[in-house]
Amino acid sequence: MHSFYGGGTRRSYFEGWYFKHQSKTQTVALIPACHIDGAGRASASLQVVTDTQSWHMDFPSDAFAAATGRLAVRVGDSVFTERGCKLDVSTPALTLRGELQYGPLTRTVGDIMGPFRFAPFLECRHSVLSLRHTVSGEITLNGAVISFDKGAGYLEGDRGCSFPSQYVWTQCLHGGDSLMLSAARIPFCGGAFSGCIGFVYAGEREWRIATYRGARLVRVSNREILVRQGDLTLHAELLKDSPHMLRAPLGGDMVRLIRESPACLVRYTCTLEGRVLLAFVSAQAGFEDNWN
């Protein structure tokens, strides 16, 4: 692994990864990140989110390292790769130790951002690194053992300078299926437009949903996203949230507070050419409601 990106030569930059782990009854998300603020000051962080609580830990830049050309990240004494993670965190508020193993990652068919990944005006570029994968092993969090025997995982990432000023995001693992949908306000030529990206992975097949593929946002709010793309319709409706406060980047600095419910009640309906592709309610869905 190499040390912090560019040795502090970049300005207003962040990069983070969202490792979601789900058992039959519990959800734990881990978010390692590096960031450089507008003054060129570099730092790193690790956020831990469970069904009931969240923690944020700051680290100096020399506590962060990342590999080139592959997913391997170290923050403090914890290491994250595409094969699993090894956790060793000890603070007055959080003690977290253990090791989790991942099965083969299910890759997307092409970059989730499509041609927009080349757009210079984007504040944030999103990546989906695994639509779903298996998770095994156990961790101990503040003395409580959490087992992920026959668990499921999801992995995504973000990089840029800031999260969008307004966005809604939801993700869910349901049986062997998975989905993600996000809508955001995107600055462009002095104004802004609303766009979306997402996918439905069902029956070991991926359906891509995106503005660059003609997707149209029919409704979007802090409680729902309804999108239509040709003969495909996807509706996500938040029925009951359980929000925790997380930090997000603003100009490379982790000073913005956002709301995330890592395990809440959401109804999903997806139809394709008039037939139901997916229809279920999950109590383990993730939902971020940051739409003003």
C-alpha atoms as a PDB file:
ATOM      1  CA  MET A   1       0.000   0.000   0.000  1.00  0.00           C
ATOM      2  CA  HIS A   2       1.061   3.587  -0.552  1.00  0.00           C
ATOM      3  CA  SER A   3       0.462   6.508   1.799  1.00  0.00           C
ATOM      4  CA  PHE A   4      -2.060   9.311   1.502  1.00  0.00           C
ATOM      5  CA  TYR A   5      -2.996  10.451  -2.008  1.00  0.00           C
ATOM      6  CA  GLY A   6      -0.487  12.901  -3.424  1.00  0.00           C
ATOM      7  CA  GLY A   7       1.023  13.715  -0.037  1.00  0.00           C
ATOM      8  CA  GLY A   8      -1.441  16.568   0.418  1.00  0.00           C
ATOM      9  CA  THR A   9      -0.873  18.067  -3.063  1.00  0.00           C
ATOM     10  CA  ARG A  10      -4.560  17.899  -4.015  1.00  0.00           C
ATOM     11  CA  ARG A  11      -7.149  20.415  -2.839  1.00  0.00           C
ATOM     12  CA  SER A  12     -10.771  19.737  -1.867  1.00  0.00           C
ATOM     13  CA  TYR A  13     -10.781  16.001  -2.458  1.00  0.00           C
ATOM     14  CA  PHE A  14     -12.331  13.015  -0.752  1.00  0.00           C
ATOM     15  CA  GLU A  15     -12.622   9.320  -1.429  1.00  0.00           C
ATOM     16  CA  GLY A  16     -14.665   6.890   0.622  1.00  0.00           C
ATOM     17  CA  TRP A  17     -15.990   3.348   0.523  1.00  0.00           C
ATOM     18  CA  TYR A  18     -19.254   1.954   1.893  1.00  0.00           C
ATOM     19  CA  PHE A  19     -18.965  -1.671   3.086  1.00  0.00           C
ATOM     20  CA  LYS A  20     -22.409  -2.985   4.031  1.00  0.00           C
ATOM     21  CA  HIS A  21     -22.777  -6.260   5.965  1.00  0.00           C
ATOM     22  CA  GLN A  22     -26.160  -7.826   6.630  1.00  0.00           C
ATOM     23  CA  SER A  23     -27.128 -10.863   8.677  1.00  0.00           C
ATOM     24  CA  LYS A  24     -30.666 -12.163   9.098  1.00  0.00           C
ATOM     25  CA  THR A  25     -31.270  -9.712  11.954  1.00  0.00           C
ATOM     26  CA  GLN A  26     -28.531  -7.052  11.974  1.00  0.00           C
ATOM     27  CA  THR A  27     -26.796  -4.570   9.699  1.00  0.00           C
ATOM     28  CA  VAL A  28     -23.331  -3.048  10.076  1.00  0.00           C
ATOM     29  CA  ALA A  29     -21.905  -0.533   7.607  1.00  0.00           C
ATOM     30  CA  LEU A  30     -18.253   0.539   7.638  1.00  0.00           C
ATOM     31  CA  ILE A  31     -17.109   3.717   5.855  1.00  0.00           C
ATOM     32  CA  PRO A  32     -13.340   4.289   5.608  1.00  0.00           C
ATOM     33  CA  ALA A  33     -12.369   7.540   3.867  1.00  0.00           C
ATOM     34  CA  CYS A  34      -9.566   9.977   3.103  1.00  0.00           C
ATOM     35  CA  HIS A  35     -10.046  13.713   2.593  1.00  0.00           C
ATOM     36  CA  ILE A  36      -8.170  16.912   1.803  1.00  0.00           C
ATOM     37  CA  ASP A  37      -9.788  20.254   2.625  1.00  0.00           C
ATOM     38  CA  GLY A  38      -9.532  23.504   0.686  1.00  0.00           C
ATOM     39  CA  ALA A  39      -6.361  24.488   2.517  1.00  0.00           C
ATOM     40  CA  GLY A  40      -4.623  21.230   1.536  1.00  0.00           C
ATOM     41  CA  ARG A  41      -4.867  19.654   4.995  1.00  0.00           C
ATOM     42  CA  ALA A  42      -5.101  15.868   4.738  1.00  0.00           C
ATOM     43  CA  SER A  43      -6.855  13.517   7.149  1.00  0.00           C
ATOM     44  CA  ALA A  44      -8.728  10.218   7.262  1.00  0.00           C
ATOM     45  CA  SER A  45     -11.782   8.834   9.005  1.00  0.00           C
ATOM     46  CA  LEU A  46     -13.727   5.693   9.778  1.00  0.00           C
ATOM     47  CA  GLN A  47     -17.466   5.674  10.386  1.00  0.00           C
ATOM     48  CA  VAL A  48     -19.350   2.700  11.814  1.00  0.00           C
ATOM     49  CA  VAL A  49     -23.122   2.459  11.500  1.00  0.00           C
ATOM     50  CA  THR A  50     -25.413  -0.162  13.025  1.00  0.00           C
ATOM     51  CA  ASP A  51     -29.166  -0.539  13.319  1.00  0.00           C
ATOM     52  CA  THR A  52     -29.157   1.522  16.514  1.00  0.00           C
ATOM     53  CA  GLN A  53     -26.088   3.771  16.590  1.00  0.00           C
ATOM     54  CA  SER A  54     -23.249   5.416  14.657  1.00  0.00           C
ATOM     55  CA  TRP A  55     -19.658   6.402  15.467  1.00  0.00           C
ATOM     56  CA  HIS A  56     -17.145   8.677  13.724  1.00  0.00           C
ATOM     57  CA  MET A  57     -13.389   8.454  14.263  1.00  0.00           C
ATOM     58  CA  ASP A  58     -10.790  10.894  12.900  1.00  0.00           C
ATOM     59  CA  PHE A  59      -7.257   9.853  11.972  1.00  0.00           C
ATOM     60  CA  PRO A  60      -4.136  11.723  10.845  1.00  0.00           C
ATOM     61  CA  SER A  61      -3.164  11.326   7.202  1.00  0.00           C
ATOM     62  CA  ASP A  62      -0.297   8.960   8.002  1.00  0.00           C
ATOM     63  CA  ALA A  63      -2.831   6.490   9.467  1.00  0.00           C
ATOM     64  CA  PHE A  64      -4.289   6.010   5.987  1.00  0.00           C
ATOM     65  CA  ALA A  65      -2.906   3.935   3.113  1.00  0.00           C
ATOM     66  CA  ALA A  66      -4.377   2.555  -0.117  1.00  0.00           C
ATOM     67  CA  ALA A  67      -3.208   0.208  -2.853  1.00  0.00           C
ATOM     68  CA  THR A  68      -2.928   1.198  -6.496  1.00  0.00           C
ATOM     69  CA  GLY A  69      -5.054  -0.685  -9.018  1.00  0.00           C
ATOM     70  CA  ARG A  70      -6.950  -2.782  -6.494  1.00  0.00           C
ATOM     71  CA  LEU A  71      -9.197  -2.324  -3.473  1.00  0.00           C
ATOM     72  CA  ALA A  72      -7.067  -2.370  -0.338  1.00  0.00           C
ATOM     73  CA  VAL A  73      -7.427   0.384   2.255  1.00  0.00           C
ATOM     74  CA  ARG A  74      -5.989   0.790   5.738  1.00  0.00           C
ATOM     75  CA  VAL A  75      -7.320   3.258   8.299  1.00  0.00           C
ATOM     76  CA  GLY A  76      -5.550   3.043  11.643  1.00  0.00           C
ATOM     77  CA  ASP A  77      -5.248  -0.643  12.486  1.00  0.00           C
ATOM     78  CA  SER A  78      -8.214  -1.728  10.332  1.00  0.00           C
ATOM     79  CA  VAL A  79      -7.835  -3.057   6.788  1.00  0.00           C
ATOM     80  CA  PHE A  80     -10.477  -3.324   4.049  1.00  0.00           C
ATOM     81  CA  THR A  81     -10.121  -5.308   0.804  1.00  0.00           C
ATOM     82  CA  GLU A  82     -12.396  -6.988  -1.727  1.00  0.00           C
ATOM     83  CA  ARG A  83     -11.839 -10.287   0.097  1.00  0.00           C
ATOM     84  CA  GLY A  84     -12.897  -9.010   3.516  1.00  0.00           C
ATOM     85  CA  CYS A  85     -11.985  -6.715   6.368  1.00  0.00           C
ATOM     86  CA  LYS A  86      -9.968  -6.969   9.561  1.00  0.00           C
ATOM     87  CA  LEU A  87     -11.148  -4.607  12.283  1.00  0.00           C
ATOM     88  CA  ASP A  88      -9.226  -3.272  15.259  1.00  0.00           C
ATOM     89  CA  VAL A  89     -10.713  -0.094  16.758  1.00  0.00           C
ATOM     90  CA  SER A  90     -10.371   1.045  20.357  1.00  0.00           C
ATOM     91  CA  THR A  91     -11.710   4.422  21.505  1.00  0.00           C
ATOM     92  CA  PRO A  92     -13.545   5.531  24.653  1.00  0.00           C
ATOM     93  CA  ALA A  93     -16.847   5.222  22.758  1.00  0.00           C
ATOM     94  CA  LEU A  94     -16.200   2.193  20.535  1.00  0.00           C
ATOM     95  CA  THR A  95     -14.323  -1.071  20.700  1.00  0.00           C
ATOM     96  CA  LEU A  96     -14.596  -3.044  17.464  1.00  0.00           C
ATOM     97  CA  ARG A  97     -12.609  -6.151  16.619  1.00  0.00           C
ATOM     98  CA  GLY A  98     -12.998  -9.125  14.333  1.00  0.00           C
ATOM     99  CA  GLU A  99     -12.591 -10.360  10.802  1.00  0.00           C
ATOM    100  CA  LEU A 100     -15.106 -10.815   7.974  1.00  0.00           C
ATOM    101  CA  GLN A 101     -14.614 -12.732   4.741  1.00  0.00           C
ATOM    102  CA  TYR A 102     -16.333 -11.884   1.450  1.00  0.00           C
ATOM    103  CA  GLY A 103     -17.279 -14.238  -1.340  1.00  0.00           C
ATOM    104  CA  PRO A 104     -16.629 -13.206  -4.959  1.00  0.00           C
ATOM    105  CA  LEU A 105     -17.905  -9.703  -5.684  1.00  0.00           C
ATOM    106  CA  THR A 106     -20.704  -9.333  -8.231  1.00  0.00           C
ATOM    107  CA  ARG A 107     -19.467  -6.613 -10.573  1.00  0.00           C
ATOM    108  CA  THR A 108     -21.631  -4.181 -12.505  1.00  0.00           C
ATOM    109  CA  VAL A 109     -21.818  -4.352 -16.283  1.00  0.00           C
ATOM    110  CA  GLY A 110     -19.745  -1.234 -16.941  1.00  0.00           C
ATOM    111  CA  ASP A 111     -19.296   1.875 -14.792  1.00  0.00           C
ATOM    112  CA  ILE A 112     -22.496   2.907 -12.952  1.00  0.00           C
ATOM    113  CA  MET A 113     -21.846   6.543 -13.978  1.00  0.00           C
ATOM    114  CA  GLY A 114     -21.701   5.704 -17.684  1.00  0.00           C
ATOM    115  CA  PRO A 115     -20.513   8.669 -19.784  1.00  0.00           C
ATOM    116  CA  PHE A 116     -21.057  11.035 -16.831  1.00  0.00           C
ATOM    117  CA  ARG A 117     -17.894   9.666 -15.227  1.00  0.00           C
ATOM    118  CA  PHE A 118     -15.978  11.916 -17.659  1.00  0.00           C
ATOM    119  CA  ALA A 119     -18.008  15.068 -16.872  1.00  0.00           C
ATOM    120  CA  PRO A 120     -15.744  17.723 -15.295  1.00  0.00           C
ATOM    121  CA  PHE A 121     -18.601  19.541 -13.525  1.00  0.00           C
ATOM    122  CA  LEU A 122     -19.577  16.702 -11.175  1.00  0.00           C
ATOM    123  CA  GLU A 123     -19.031  17.246  -7.450  1.00  0.00           C
ATOM    124  CA  CYS A 124     -19.059  13.496  -6.801  1.00  0.00           C
ATOM    125  CA  ARG A 125     -18.465  10.330  -8.812  1.00  0.00           C
ATOM    126  CA  HIS A 126     -20.206   7.205  -7.582  1.00  0.00           C
ATOM    127  CA  SER A 127     -19.000   3.617  -7.977  1.00  0.00           C
ATOM    128  CA  VAL A 128     -20.740   0.305  -7.348  1.00  0.00           C
ATOM    129  CA  LEU A 129     -18.010  -2.230  -6.605  1.00  0.00           C
ATOM    130  CA  SER A 130     -20.258  -5.185  -5.786  1.00  0.00           C
ATOM    131  CA  LEU A 131     -23.974  -5.610  -6.431  1.00  0.00           C
ATOM    132  CA  ARG A 132     -23.967  -8.281  -3.743  1.00  0.00           C
ATOM    133  CA  HIS A 133     -21.665 -10.909  -2.233  1.00  0.00           C
ATOM    134  CA  THR A 134     -21.636 -13.344   0.654  1.00  0.00           C
ATOM    135  CA  VAL A 135     -20.251 -12.392   4.082  1.00  0.00           C
ATOM    136  CA  SER A 136     -18.988 -14.755   6.784  1.00  0.00           C
ATOM    137  CA  GLY A 137     -17.209 -14.329  10.101  1.00  0.00           C
ATOM    138  CA  GLU A 138     -17.982 -12.386  13.243  1.00  0.00           C
ATOM    139  CA  ILE A 139     -17.128  -9.123  14.944  1.00  0.00           C
ATOM    140  CA  THR A 140     -17.303  -7.918  18.525  1.00  0.00           C
ATOM    141  CA  LEU A 141     -18.738  -4.423  18.951  1.00  0.00           C
ATOM    142  CA  ASN A 142     -18.602  -2.969  22.465  1.00  0.00           C
ATOM    143  CA  GLY A 143     -18.679  -6.481  23.886  1.00  0.00           C
ATOM    144  CA  ALA A 144     -21.564  -7.762  21.731  1.00  0.00           C
ATOM    145  CA  VAL A 145     -20.778 -10.515  19.229  1.00  0.00           C
ATOM    146  CA  ILE A 146     -22.346 -10.071  15.785  1.00  0.00           C
ATOM    147  CA  SER A 147     -22.234 -13.141  13.546  1.00  0.00           C
ATOM    148  CA  PHE A 148     -22.533 -13.008   9.770  1.00  0.00           C
ATOM    149  CA  ASP A 149     -22.970 -16.697   9.090  1.00  0.00           C
ATOM    150  CA  LYS A 150     -24.508 -16.859   5.589  1.00  0.00           C
ATOM    151  CA  GLY A 151     -24.612 -13.058   5.539  1.00  0.00           C
ATOM    152  CA  ALA A 152     -24.801 -10.747   2.536  1.00  0.00           C
ATOM    153  CA  GLY A 153     -22.798  -7.703   1.567  1.00  0.00           C
ATOM    154  CA  TYR A 154     -22.823  -4.703  -0.746  1.00  0.00           C
ATOM    155  CA  LEU A 155     -19.958  -2.379  -1.667  1.00  0.00           C
ATOM    156  CA  GLU A 156     -19.882   1.076  -3.243  1.00  0.00           C
ATOM    157  CA  GLY A 157     -17.656   4.139  -3.243  1.00  0.00           C
ATOM    158  CA  ASP A 158     -17.588   7.885  -3.856  1.00  0.00           C
ATOM    159  CA  ARG A 159     -14.881  10.360  -4.775  1.00  0.00           C
ATOM    160  CA  GLY A 160     -14.760  14.051  -5.634  1.00  0.00           C
ATOM    161  CA  CYS A 161     -14.967  17.244  -3.608  1.00  0.00           C
ATOM    162  CA  SER A 162     -18.480  17.259  -2.085  1.00  0.00           C
ATOM    163  CA  PHE A 163     -21.666  15.237  -1.805  1.00  0.00           C
ATOM    164  CA  PRO A 164     -24.529  16.741  -3.855  1.00  0.00           C
ATOM    165  CA  SER A 165     -26.380  19.555  -2.102  1.00  0.00           C
ATOM    166  CA  GLN A 166     -29.608  17.525  -2.351  1.00  0.00           C
ATOM    167  CA  TYR A 167     -29.889  13.789  -2.802  1.00  0.00           C
ATOM    168  CA  VAL A 168     -31.841  10.707  -1.799  1.00  0.00           C
ATOM    169  CA  TRP A 169     -30.259   7.246  -1.748  1.00  0.00           C
ATOM    170  CA  THR A 170     -31.599   3.807  -0.970  1.00  0.00           C
ATOM    171  CA  GLN A 171     -30.096   0.326  -1.130  1.00  0.00           C
ATOM    172  CA  CYS A 172     -31.416  -3.095  -0.186  1.00  0.00           C
ATOM    173  CA  LEU A 173     -30.266  -6.725  -0.141  1.00  0.00           C
ATOM    174  CA  HIS A 174     -33.243  -9.064  -0.333  1.00  0.00           C
ATOM    175  CA  GLY A 175     -32.618 -12.787  -0.635  1.00  0.00           C
ATOM    176  CA  GLY A 176     -30.344 -13.238  -3.623  1.00  0.00           C
ATOM    177  CA  ASP A 177     -31.392  -9.888  -5.105  1.00  0.00           C
ATOM    178  CA  SER A 178     -30.105  -6.357  -4.640  1.00  0.00           C
ATOM    179  CA  LEU A 179     -30.995  -2.843  -5.715  1.00  0.00           C
ATOM    180  CA  MET A 180     -29.770   0.710  -5.375  1.00  0.00           C
ATOM    181  CA  LEU A 181     -31.368   3.967  -6.470  1.00  0.00           C
ATOM    182  CA  SER A 182     -30.154   7.522  -5.983  1.00  0.00           C
ATOM    183  CA  ALA A 183     -31.468  10.893  -7.134  1.00  0.00           C
ATOM    184  CA  ALA A 184     -29.441  14.096  -6.855  1.00  0.00           C
ATOM    185  CA  ARG A 185     -29.377  17.757  -7.803  1.00  0.00           C
ATOM    186  CA  ILE A 186     -26.396  18.234 -10.108  1.00  0.00           C
ATOM    187  CA  PRO A 187     -24.870  21.692 -10.737  1.00  0.00           C
ATOM    188  CA  PHE A 188     -24.506  22.553 -14.419  1.00  0.00           C
ATOM    189  CA  CYS A 189     -23.700  25.831 -16.241  1.00  0.00           C
ATOM    190  CA  GLY A 190     -24.728  28.033 -13.333  1.00  0.00           C
ATOM    191  CA  GLY A 191     -27.943  26.095 -12.695  1.00  0.00           C
ATOM    192  CA  ALA A 192     -28.776  22.536 -11.704  1.00  0.00           C
ATOM    193  CA  PHE A 193     -30.735  19.533 -12.899  1.00  0.00           C
ATOM    194  CA  SER A 194     -32.075  16.412 -11.169  1.00  0.00           C
ATOM    195  CA  GLY A 195     -30.574  13.113 -12.246  1.00  0.00           C
ATOM    196  CA  CYS A 196     -30.542   9.520 -11.076  1.00  0.00           C
ATOM    197  CA  ILE A 197     -28.468   6.360 -11.150  1.00  0.00           C
ATOM    198  CA  GLY A 198     -29.295   2.885  -9.892  1.00  0.00           C
ATOM    199  CA  PHE A 199     -29.731  -0.768 -10.651  1.00  0.00           C
ATOM    200  CA  VAL A 200     -31.952  -3.745 -10.008  1.00  0.00           C
ATOM    201  CA  TYR A 201     -30.172  -7.089  -9.671  1.00  0.00           C
ATOM    202  CA  ALA A 202     -32.661  -9.966  -9.746  1.00  0.00           C
ATOM    203  CA  GLY A 203     -32.337 -13.542 -10.893  1.00  0.00           C
ATOM    204  CA  GLU A 204     -28.585 -12.964 -11.416  1.00  0.00           C
ATOM    205  CA  ARG A 205     -29.330 -10.273 -14.029  1.00  0.00           C
ATOM    206  CA  GLU A 206     -28.658  -6.545 -13.795  1.00  0.00           C
ATOM    207  CA  TRP A 207     -30.989  -3.806 -15.014  1.00  0.00           C
ATOM    208  CA  ARG A 208     -29.298  -0.395 -15.142  1.00  0.00           C
ATOM    209  CA  ILE A 209     -31.311   2.739 -14.339  1.00  0.00           C
ATOM    210  CA  ALA A 210     -29.775   6.120 -15.190  1.00  0.00           C
ATOM    211  CA  THR A 211     -30.459   9.555 -16.572  1.00  0.00           C
ATOM    212  CA  TYR A 212     -27.984   8.810 -19.383  1.00  0.00           C
ATOM    213  CA  ARG A 213     -30.214   5.856 -20.354  1.00  0.00           C
ATOM    214  CA  GLY A 214     -33.370   7.954 -20.483  1.00  0.00           C
ATOM    215  CA  ALA A 215     -34.580   7.466 -16.903  1.00  0.00           C
ATOM    216  CA  ARG A 216     -37.022  10.122 -15.735  1.00  0.00           C
ATOM    217  CA  LEU A 217     -37.661  11.098 -12.132  1.00  0.00           C
ATOM    218  CA  VAL A 218     -41.444  11.139 -11.684  1.00  0.00           C
ATOM    219  CA  ARG A 219     -41.391  11.895  -7.953  1.00  0.00           C
ATOM    220  CA  VAL A 220     -38.581  12.486  -5.511  1.00  0.00           C
ATOM    221  CA  SER A 221     -38.690  13.577  -1.871  1.00  0.00           C
ATOM    222  CA  ASN A 222     -37.284  12.630   1.511  1.00  0.00           C
ATOM    223  CA  ARG A 223     -39.764   9.740   1.582  1.00  0.00           C
ATOM    224  CA  GLU A 224     -39.731   8.276  -1.907  1.00  0.00           C
ATOM    225  CA  ILE A 225     -38.176   7.977  -5.352  1.00  0.00           C
ATOM    226  CA  LEU A 226     -40.261   7.017  -8.387  1.00  0.00           C
ATOM    227  CA  VAL A 227     -38.398   6.616 -11.666  1.00  0.00           C
ATOM    228  CA  ARG A 228     -39.436   5.433 -15.136  1.00  0.00           C
ATOM    229  CA  GLN A 229     -37.111   4.284 -17.881  1.00  0.00           C
ATOM    230  CA  GLY A 230     -38.889   2.979 -20.955  1.00  0.00           C
ATOM    231  CA  ASP A 231     -40.920  -0.056 -19.883  1.00  0.00           C
ATOM    232  CA  LEU A 232     -39.238  -0.242 -16.458  1.00  0.00           C
ATOM    233  CA  THR A 233     -40.604   1.484 -13.348  1.00  0.00           C
ATOM    234  CA  LEU A 234     -38.956   1.454  -9.909  1.00  0.00           C
ATOM    235  CA  HIS A 235     -40.623   2.889  -6.814  1.00  0.00           C
ATOM    236  CA  ALA A 236     -38.945   3.109  -3.393  1.00  0.00           C
ATOM    237  CA  GLU A 237     -41.109   4.363  -0.521  1.00  0.00           C
ATOM    238  CA  LEU A 238     -39.787   4.955   2.995  1.00  0.00           C
ATOM    239  CA  LEU A 239     -42.378   3.646   5.466  1.00  0.00           C
ATOM    240  CA  LYS A 240     -40.501   4.025   8.760  1.00  0.00           C
ATOM    241  CA  ASP A 241     -37.048   5.475   9.227  1.00  0.00           C
ATOM    242  CA  SER A 242     -34.424   5.076  11.939  1.00  0.00           C
ATOM    243  CA  PRO A 243     -31.914   7.824  11.162  1.00  0.00           C
ATOM    244  CA  HIS A 244     -28.395   8.284  12.477  1.00  0.00           C
ATOM    245  CA  MET A 245     -26.165  11.261  11.814  1.00  0.00           C
ATOM    246  CA  LEU A 246     -23.134  10.718   9.593  1.00  0.00           C
ATOM    247  CA  ARG A 247     -20.476  13.108   8.353  1.00  0.00           C
ATOM    248  CA  ALA A 248     -20.119  13.841   4.651  1.00  0.00           C
ATOM    249  CA  PRO A 249     -17.635  15.863   2.605  1.00  0.00           C
ATOM    250  CA  LEU A 250     -18.097  19.534   1.793  1.00  0.00           C
ATOM    251  CA  GLY A 251     -15.176  20.937  -0.145  1.00  0.00           C
ATOM    252  CA  GLY A 252     -13.131  17.926   0.915  1.00  0.00           C
ATOM    253  CA  ASP A 253     -13.750  18.606   4.598  1.00  0.00           C
ATOM    254  CA  MET A 254     -15.952  16.206   6.592  1.00  0.00           C
ATOM    255  CA  VAL A 255     -18.099  18.911   8.143  1.00  0.00           C
ATOM    256  CA  ARG A 256     -21.543  18.247   6.642  1.00  0.00           C
ATOM    257  CA  LEU A 257     -24.047  16.219   8.653  1.00  0.00           C
ATOM    258  CA  ILE A 258     -26.377  13.858   6.783  1.00  0.00           C
ATOM    259  CA  ARG A 259     -29.119  11.462   7.858  1.00  0.00           C
ATOM    260  CA  GLU A 260     -28.875   7.752   7.144  1.00  0.00           C
ATOM    261  CA  SER A 261     -31.149   4.918   8.221  1.00  0.00           C
ATOM    262  CA  PRO A 262     -28.994   1.808   7.710  1.00  0.00           C
ATOM    263  CA  ALA A 263     -31.853  -0.581   8.515  1.00  0.00           C
ATOM    264  CA  CYS A 264     -35.331   0.855   8.078  1.00  0.00           C
ATOM    265  CA  LEU A 265     -38.698  -0.104   6.592  1.00  0.00           C
ATOM    266  CA  VAL A 266     -38.942   0.514   2.836  1.00  0.00           C
ATOM    267  CA  ARG A 267     -41.378  -0.731   0.205  1.00  0.00           C
ATOM    268  CA  TYR A 268     -39.934  -1.487  -3.242  1.00  0.00           C
ATOM    269  CA  THR A 269     -41.864  -2.168  -6.427  1.00  0.00           C
ATOM    270  CA  CYS A 270     -40.250  -2.735  -9.802  1.00  0.00           C
ATOM    271  CA  THR A 271     -42.223  -3.541 -12.949  1.00  0.00           C
ATOM    272  CA  LEU A 272     -40.923  -4.369 -16.407  1.00  0.00           C
ATOM    273  CA  GLU A 273     -43.208  -4.369 -19.440  1.00  0.00           C
ATOM    274  CA  GLY A 274     -46.217  -4.540 -17.124  1.00  0.00           C
ATOM    275  CA  ARG A 275     -45.013  -7.552 -15.135  1.00  0.00           C
ATOM    276  CA  VAL A 276     -43.745  -7.401 -11.562  1.00  0.00           C
ATOM    277  CA  LEU A 277     -40.004  -7.897 -11.380  1.00  0.00           C
ATOM    278  CA  LEU A 278     -39.701  -7.182  -7.645  1.00  0.00           C
ATOM    279  CA  ALA A 279     -42.260  -6.315  -4.966  1.00  0.00           C
ATOM    280  CA  PHE A 280     -41.401  -6.510  -1.278  1.00  0.00           C
ATOM    281  CA  VAL A 281     -41.117  -4.613   1.991  1.00  0.00           C
ATOM    282  CA  SER A 282     -37.798  -4.827   3.835  1.00  0.00           C
ATOM    283  CA  ALA A 283     -36.943  -3.830   7.394  1.00  0.00           C
ATOM    284  CA  GLN A 284     -33.215  -3.932   6.532  1.00  0.00           C
ATOM    285  CA  ALA A 285     -33.131  -1.322   3.792  1.00  0.00           C
ATOM    286  CA  GLY A 286     -30.737   1.598   3.772  1.00  0.00           C
ATOM    287  CA  PHE A 287     -32.119   5.093   3.143  1.00  0.00           C
ATOM    288  CA  GLU A 288     -30.475   8.527   3.139  1.00  0.00           C
ATOM    289  CA  ASP A 289     -32.979  11.387   3.002  1.00  0.00           C
ATOM    290  CA  ASN A 290     -31.151  14.605   2.229  1.00  0.00           C
ATOM    291  CA  TRP A 291     -33.588  16.257  -0.181  1.00  0.00           C
ATOM    292  CA  ASN A 292     -34.696  19.764   0.806  1.00  0.00           C
END
